[in-house]
PDB file of N, CA and C in Angstrom:
ATOM      1  N   UNK A   1      16.993   2.003  -6.126  1.00  0.00           N
ATOM      2  CA  UNK A   1      16.608   2.305  -4.781  1.00  0.00           C
ATOM      3  C   UNK A   1      15.801   1.125  -4.261  1.00  0.00           C
ATOM      4  N   UNK A   2      15.874   0.888  -2.962  1.00  0.00           N
ATOM      5  CA  UNK A   2      15.154  -0.195  -2.355  1.00  0.00           C
ATOM      6  C   UNK A   2      13.969   0.292  -1.547  1.00  0.00           C
ATOM      7  N   UNK A   3      12.800  -0.323  -1.854  1.00  0.00           N
ATOM      8  CA  UNK A   3      11.599   0.039  -1.157  1.00  0.00           C
ATOM      9  C   UNK A   3      10.964  -1.247  -0.560  1.00  0.00           C
ATOM     10  N   UNK A   4      10.004  -1.088   0.292  1.00  0.00           N
ATOM     11  CA  UNK A   4       9.262  -2.257   0.861  1.00  0.00           C
ATOM     12  C   UNK A   4       7.792  -1.899   0.625  1.00  0.00           C
ATOM     13  N   UNK A   5       7.027  -2.960   0.353  1.00  0.00           N
ATOM     14  CA  UNK A   5       5.539  -2.788   0.153  1.00  0.00           C
ATOM     15  C   UNK A   5       4.912  -3.687   1.187  1.00  0.00           C
ATOM     16  N   UNK A   6       3.912  -3.195   1.861  1.00  0.00           N
ATOM     17  CA  UNK A   6       3.166  -3.976   2.821  1.00  0.00           C
ATOM     18  C   UNK A   6       1.652  -3.937   2.406  1.00  0.00           C
ATOM     19  N   UNK A   7       1.107  -5.093   2.247  1.00  0.00           N
ATOM     20  CA  UNK A   7      -0.354  -5.224   2.139  1.00  0.00           C
ATOM     21  C   UNK A   7      -0.962  -5.331   3.495  1.00  0.00           C
ATOM     22  N   UNK A   8      -1.893  -4.470   3.915  1.00  0.00           N
ATOM     23  CA  UNK A   8      -2.352  -4.483   5.271  1.00  0.00           C
ATOM     24  C   UNK A   8      -3.882  -4.562   5.272  1.00  0.00           C
ATOM     25  N   UNK A   9      -4.355  -5.196   6.391  1.00  0.00           N
ATOM     26  CA  UNK A   9      -5.848  -5.320   6.593  1.00  0.00           C
ATOM     27  C   UNK A   9      -6.370  -4.061   7.237  1.00  0.00           C
ATOM     28  N   UNK A  10      -7.667  -4.109   7.525  1.00  0.00           N
ATOM     29  CA  UNK A  10      -8.326  -2.863   8.100  1.00  0.00           C
ATOM     30  C   UNK A  10      -7.829  -2.502   9.521  1.00  0.00           C
ATOM     31  N   UNK A  11      -7.098  -3.436  10.151  1.00  0.00           N
ATOM     32  CA  UNK A  11      -6.501  -3.141  11.432  1.00  0.00           C
ATOM     33  C   UNK A  11      -5.056  -2.737  11.319  1.00  0.00           C
ATOM     34  N   UNK A  12      -4.612  -2.565  10.083  1.00  0.00           N
ATOM     35  CA  UNK A  12      -3.224  -2.225   9.741  1.00  0.00           C
ATOM     36  C   UNK A  12      -2.273  -3.310  10.013  1.00  0.00           C
ATOM     37  N   UNK A  13      -2.744  -4.549  10.153  1.00  0.00           N
ATOM     38  CA  UNK A  13      -1.887  -5.718  10.347  1.00  0.00           C
ATOM     39  C   UNK A  13      -1.377  -6.161   8.965  1.00  0.00           C
ATOM     40  N   UNK A  14      -0.106  -6.458   8.928  1.00  0.00           N
ATOM     41  CA  UNK A  14       0.506  -6.891   7.597  1.00  0.00           C
ATOM     42  C   UNK A  14       0.025  -8.186   7.226  1.00  0.00           C
ATOM     43  N   UNK A  15      -0.471  -8.331   6.006  1.00  0.00           N
ATOM     44  CA  UNK A  15      -0.901  -9.534   5.390  1.00  0.00           C
ATOM     45  C   UNK A  15       0.288 -10.164   4.663  1.00  0.00           C
ATOM     46  N   UNK A  16       0.984  -9.320   3.917  1.00  0.00           N
ATOM     47  CA  UNK A  16       2.159  -9.801   3.196  1.00  0.00           C
ATOM     48  C   UNK A  16       3.071  -8.582   2.942  1.00  0.00           C
ATOM     49  N   UNK A  17       4.318  -8.909   2.659  1.00  0.00           N
ATOM     50  CA  UNK A  17       5.310  -7.873   2.356  1.00  0.00           C
ATOM     51  C   UNK A  17       6.188  -8.331   1.201  1.00  0.00           C
ATOM     52  N   UNK A  18       6.736  -7.288   0.527  1.00  0.00           N
ATOM     53  CA  UNK A  18       7.616  -7.553  -0.602  1.00  0.00           C
ATOM     54  C   UNK A  18       8.669  -6.435  -0.676  1.00  0.00           C
ATOM     55  N   UNK A  19       9.847  -6.795  -1.204  1.00  0.00           N
ATOM     56  CA  UNK A  19      10.869  -5.802  -1.463  1.00  0.00           C
ATOM     57  C   UNK A  19      10.797  -5.388  -2.930  1.00  0.00           C
ATOM     58  N   UNK A  20      10.989  -4.116  -3.124  1.00  0.00           N
ATOM     59  CA  UNK A  20      11.045  -3.581  -4.514  1.00  0.00           C
ATOM     60  C   UNK A  20      12.366  -2.909  -4.744  1.00  0.00           C
ATOM     61  N   UNK A  21      12.969  -3.163  -5.863  1.00  0.00           N
ATOM     62  CA  UNK A  21      14.135  -2.427  -6.277  1.00  0.00           C
ATOM     63  C   UNK A  21      13.699  -1.669  -7.519  1.00  0.00           C
ATOM     64  N   UNK A  22      13.612  -0.326  -7.351  1.00  0.00           N
ATOM     65  CA  UNK A  22      13.160   0.520  -8.424  1.00  0.00           C
ATOM     66  C   UNK A  22      14.160   1.608  -8.720  1.00  0.00           C
ATOM     67  N   UNK A  23      14.083   2.205  -9.925  1.00  0.00           N
ATOM     68  CA  UNK A  23      15.058   3.247 -10.283  1.00  0.00           C
ATOM     69  C   UNK A  23      14.795   4.507  -9.520  1.00  0.00           C
ATOM     70  N   UNK A  24      13.511   4.847  -9.211  1.00  0.00           N
ATOM     71  CA  UNK A  24      13.168   6.053  -8.469  1.00  0.00           C
ATOM     72  C   UNK A  24      11.821   5.844  -7.782  1.00  0.00           C
ATOM     73  N   UNK A  25      11.434   6.900  -7.077  1.00  0.00           N
ATOM     74  CA  UNK A  25      10.165   6.818  -6.275  1.00  0.00           C
ATOM     75  C   UNK A  25       8.953   6.726  -7.204  1.00  0.00           C
ATOM     76  N   UNK A  26       8.970   7.330  -8.315  1.00  0.00           N
ATOM     77  CA  UNK A  26       7.814   7.244  -9.203  1.00  0.00           C
ATOM     78  C   UNK A  26       7.554   5.793  -9.689  1.00  0.00           C
ATOM     79  N   UNK A  27       8.660   5.175 -10.066  1.00  0.00           N
ATOM     80  CA  UNK A  27       8.546   3.726 -10.488  1.00  0.00           C
ATOM     81  C   UNK A  27       8.043   2.829  -9.255  1.00  0.00           C
ATOM     82  N   UNK A  28       8.509   3.145  -8.119  1.00  0.00           N
ATOM     83  CA  UNK A  28       8.091   2.390  -6.879  1.00  0.00           C
ATOM     84  C   UNK A  28       6.568   2.595  -6.664  1.00  0.00           C
ATOM     85  N   UNK A  29       6.163   3.852  -6.777  1.00  0.00           N
ATOM     86  CA  UNK A  29       4.746   4.164  -6.594  1.00  0.00           C
ATOM     87  C   UNK A  29       3.870   3.404  -7.588  1.00  0.00           C
ATOM     88  N   UNK A  30       4.311   3.408  -8.926  1.00  0.00           N
ATOM     89  CA  UNK A  30       3.495   2.683  -9.899  1.00  0.00           C
ATOM     90  C   UNK A  30       3.435   1.131  -9.577  1.00  0.00           C
ATOM     91  N   UNK A  31       4.553   0.580  -9.196  1.00  0.00           N
ATOM     92  CA  UNK A  31       4.561  -0.862  -8.933  1.00  0.00           C
ATOM     93  C   UNK A  31       3.667  -1.212  -7.652  1.00  0.00           C
ATOM     94  N   UNK A  32       3.795  -0.343  -6.621  1.00  0.00           N
ATOM     95  CA  UNK A  32       3.030  -0.583  -5.439  1.00  0.00           C
ATOM     96  C   UNK A  32       1.498  -0.396  -5.692  1.00  0.00           C
ATOM     97  N   UNK A  33       1.184   0.608  -6.502  1.00  0.00           N
ATOM     98  CA  UNK A  33      -0.231   0.783  -6.815  1.00  0.00           C
ATOM     99  C   UNK A  33      -0.852  -0.389  -7.572  1.00  0.00           C
ATOM    100  N   UNK A  34      -0.039  -1.050  -8.373  1.00  0.00           N
ATOM    101  CA  UNK A  34      -0.500  -2.221  -9.137  1.00  0.00           C
ATOM    102  C   UNK A  34      -0.808  -3.379  -8.202  1.00  0.00           C
ATOM    103  N   UNK A  35      -0.264  -3.340  -7.006  1.00  0.00           N
ATOM    104  CA  UNK A  35      -0.508  -4.476  -6.033  1.00  0.00           C
ATOM    105  C   UNK A  35      -1.752  -4.233  -5.266  1.00  0.00           C
ATOM    106  N   UNK A  36      -2.340  -3.038  -5.354  1.00  0.00           N
ATOM    107  CA  UNK A  36      -3.592  -2.818  -4.610  1.00  0.00           C
ATOM    108  C   UNK A  36      -4.761  -3.599  -5.181  1.00  0.00           C
ATOM    109  N   UNK A  37      -5.489  -4.098  -4.269  1.00  0.00           N
ATOM    110  CA  UNK A  37      -6.642  -4.894  -4.579  1.00  0.00           C
ATOM    111  C   UNK A  37      -7.682  -4.726  -3.592  1.00  0.00           C
ATOM    112  N   UNK A  38      -7.959  -5.831  -2.820  1.00  0.00           N
ATOM    113  CA  UNK A  38      -8.941  -5.766  -1.760  1.00  0.00           C
ATOM    114  C   UNK A  38      -8.469  -5.000  -0.590  1.00  0.00           C
ATOM    115  N   UNK A  39      -7.156  -5.002  -0.299  1.00  0.00           N
ATOM    116  CA  UNK A  39      -6.564  -4.412   0.897  1.00  0.00           C
ATOM    117  C   UNK A  39      -5.715  -3.196   0.537  1.00  0.00           C
ATOM    118  N   UNK A  40      -5.452  -2.321   1.543  1.00  0.00           N
ATOM    119  CA  UNK A  40      -4.546  -1.202   1.337  1.00  0.00           C
ATOM    120  C   UNK A  40      -3.129  -1.651   1.128  1.00  0.00           C
ATOM    121  N   UNK A  41      -2.376  -0.860   0.421  1.00  0.00           N
ATOM    122  CA  UNK A  41      -0.938  -1.077   0.191  1.00  0.00           C
ATOM    123  C   UNK A  41      -0.109   0.018   0.648  1.00  0.00           C
ATOM    124  N   UNK A  42       0.885  -0.218   1.512  1.00  0.00           N
ATOM    125  CA  UNK A  42       1.741   0.922   2.038  1.00  0.00           C
ATOM    126  C   UNK A  42       3.099   0.784   1.322  1.00  0.00           C
ATOM    127  N   UNK A  43       3.653   1.879   0.862  1.00  0.00           N
ATOM    128  CA  UNK A  43       4.999   1.896   0.245  1.00  0.00           C
ATOM    129  C   UNK A  43       5.926   2.637   1.198  1.00  0.00           C
ATOM    130  N   UNK A  44       7.012   1.932   1.532  1.00  0.00           N
ATOM    131  CA  UNK A  44       8.036   2.533   2.513  1.00  0.00           C
ATOM    132  C   UNK A  44       9.428   2.506   1.840  1.00  0.00           C
ATOM    133  N   UNK A  45      10.142   3.612   2.145  1.00  0.00           N
ATOM    134  CA  UNK A  45      11.554   3.616   1.842  1.00  0.00           C
ATOM    135  C   UNK A  45      12.287   3.752   3.166  1.00  0.00           C
ATOM    136  N   UNK A  46      12.863   2.736   3.609  1.00  0.00           N
ATOM    137  CA  UNK A  46      13.499   2.713   4.961  1.00  0.00           C
ATOM    138  C   UNK A  46      12.392   2.897   6.000  1.00  0.00           C
ATOM    139  N   UNK A  47      12.515   3.963   6.870  1.00  0.00           N
ATOM    140  CA  UNK A  47      11.568   4.192   7.846  1.00  0.00           C
ATOM    141  C   UNK A  47      10.574   5.295   7.447  1.00  0.00           C
ATOM    142  N   UNK A  48      10.593   5.760   6.179  1.00  0.00           N
ATOM    143  CA  UNK A  48       9.733   6.820   5.635  1.00  0.00           C
ATOM    144  C   UNK A  48       8.557   6.170   4.857  1.00  0.00           C
ATOM    145  N   UNK A  49       7.345   6.531   5.329  1.00  0.00           N
ATOM    146  CA  UNK A  49       6.164   6.127   4.603  1.00  0.00           C
ATOM    147  C   UNK A  49       6.057   7.031   3.366  1.00  0.00           C
ATOM    148  N   UNK A  50       6.117   6.364   2.219  1.00  0.00           N
ATOM    149  CA  UNK A  50       6.015   7.141   0.930  1.00  0.00           C
ATOM    150  C   UNK A  50       4.602   7.367   0.499  1.00  0.00           C
ATOM    151  N   UNK A  51       3.762   6.312   0.490  1.00  0.00           N
ATOM    152  CA  UNK A  51       2.397   6.442   0.021  1.00  0.00           C
ATOM    153  C   UNK A  51       1.534   5.283   0.580  1.00  0.00           C
ATOM    154  N   UNK A  52       0.256   5.558   0.626  1.00  0.00           N
ATOM    155  CA  UNK A  52      -0.728   4.506   0.958  1.00  0.00           C
ATOM    156  C   UNK A  52      -1.743   4.494  -0.176  1.00  0.00           C
ATOM    157  N   UNK A  53      -1.913   3.309  -0.791  1.00  0.00           N
ATOM    158  CA  UNK A  53      -2.874   3.118  -1.880  1.00  0.00           C
ATOM    159  C   UNK A  53      -4.035   2.343  -1.260  1.00  0.00           C
ATOM    160  N   UNK A  54      -5.195   2.964  -1.240  1.00  0.00           N
ATOM    161  CA  UNK A  54      -6.348   2.374  -0.614  1.00  0.00           C
ATOM    162  C   UNK A  54      -6.994   1.320  -1.524  1.00  0.00           C
ATOM    163  N   UNK A  55      -7.292   0.170  -0.834  1.00  0.00           N
ATOM    164  CA  UNK A  55      -7.911  -0.945  -1.505  1.00  0.00           C
ATOM    165  C   UNK A  55      -9.454  -0.874  -1.522  1.00  0.00           C
ATOM    166  N   UNK A  56     -10.033  -1.829  -2.106  1.00  0.00           N
ATOM    167  CA  UNK A  56     -11.493  -1.879  -2.220  1.00  0.00           C
ATOM    168  C   UNK A  56     -12.172  -1.927  -0.896  1.00  0.00           C
ATOM    169  N   UNK A  57     -11.580  -2.640   0.044  1.00  0.00           N
ATOM    170  CA  UNK A  57     -12.135  -2.721   1.387  1.00  0.00           C
ATOM    171  C   UNK A  57     -12.193  -1.341   2.124  1.00  0.00           C
ATOM    172  N   UNK A  58     -11.161  -0.532   1.925  1.00  0.00           N
ATOM    173  CA  UNK A  58     -11.176   0.815   2.490  1.00  0.00           C
ATOM    174  C   UNK A  58     -12.384   1.565   1.900  1.00  0.00           C
ATOM    175  N   UNK A  59     -12.620   1.410   0.604  1.00  0.00           N
ATOM    176  CA  UNK A  59     -13.705   2.186  -0.018  1.00  0.00           C
ATOM    177  C   UNK A  59     -15.027   1.706   0.544  1.00  0.00           C
ATOM    178  N   UNK A  60     -15.164   0.353   0.765  1.00  0.00           N
ATOM    179  CA  UNK A  60     -16.438  -0.118   1.346  1.00  0.00           C
ATOM    180  C   UNK A  60     -16.593   0.370   2.800  1.00  0.00           C
ATOM    181  N   UNK A  61     -15.496   0.373   3.552  1.00  0.00           N
ATOM    182  CA  UNK A  61     -15.619   0.826   4.960  1.00  0.00           C
ATOM    183  C   UNK A  61     -15.973   2.314   4.994  1.00  0.00           C
ATOM    184  N   UNK A  62     -15.416   3.131   4.145  1.00  0.00           N
ATOM    185  CA  UNK A  62     -15.703   4.497   4.093  1.00  0.00           C
ATOM    186  C   UNK A  62     -17.181   4.734   3.757  1.00  0.00           C
ATOM    187  N   UNK A  63     -17.779   3.984   2.763  1.00  0.00           N
ATOM    188  CA  UNK A  63     -19.170   4.098   2.458  1.00  0.00           C
ATOM    189  C   UNK A  63     -20.064   3.737   3.575  1.00  0.00           C
ATOM    190  N   UNK A  64     -19.673   2.678   4.352  1.00  0.00           N
ATOM    191  CA  UNK A  64     -20.482   2.243   5.504  1.00  0.00           C
ATOM    192  C   UNK A  64     -20.523   3.321   6.569  1.00  0.00           C
ATOM    193  N   UNK A  65     -19.376   4.031   6.776  1.00  0.00           N
ATOM    194  CA  UNK A  65     -19.355   5.061   7.751  1.00  0.00           C
ATOM    195  C   UNK A  65     -20.188   6.273   7.392  1.00  0.00           C
ATOM    196  N   UNK A  66     -20.271   6.550   6.047  1.00  0.00           N
ATOM    197  CA  UNK A  66     -21.112   7.707   5.612  1.00  0.00           C
ATOM    198  C   UNK A  66     -22.568   7.451   5.584  1.00  0.00           C
ATOM    199  N   UNK A  67     -22.993   6.150   5.652  1.00  0.00           N
ATOM    200  CA  UNK A  67     -24.404   5.820   5.588  1.00  0.00           C
ATOM    201  C   UNK A  67     -25.069   6.124   6.870  1.00  0.00           C
TER     202      UNK A  67
END
């Protein structure tokens, strides 16, 4: 199955994108989650948003809002 992964900044602007060919959604989720770092990672199958994996900056922004 073909998926697309987007690394996005805090404004949801795409920083980079990649195509993933995975056997199933579970495999795609694992691979996309491995790409998570400083920024959020979105996993898409066609026009369906499968998952969002929050990066370190999202965690920092969430802490700032709670302070």
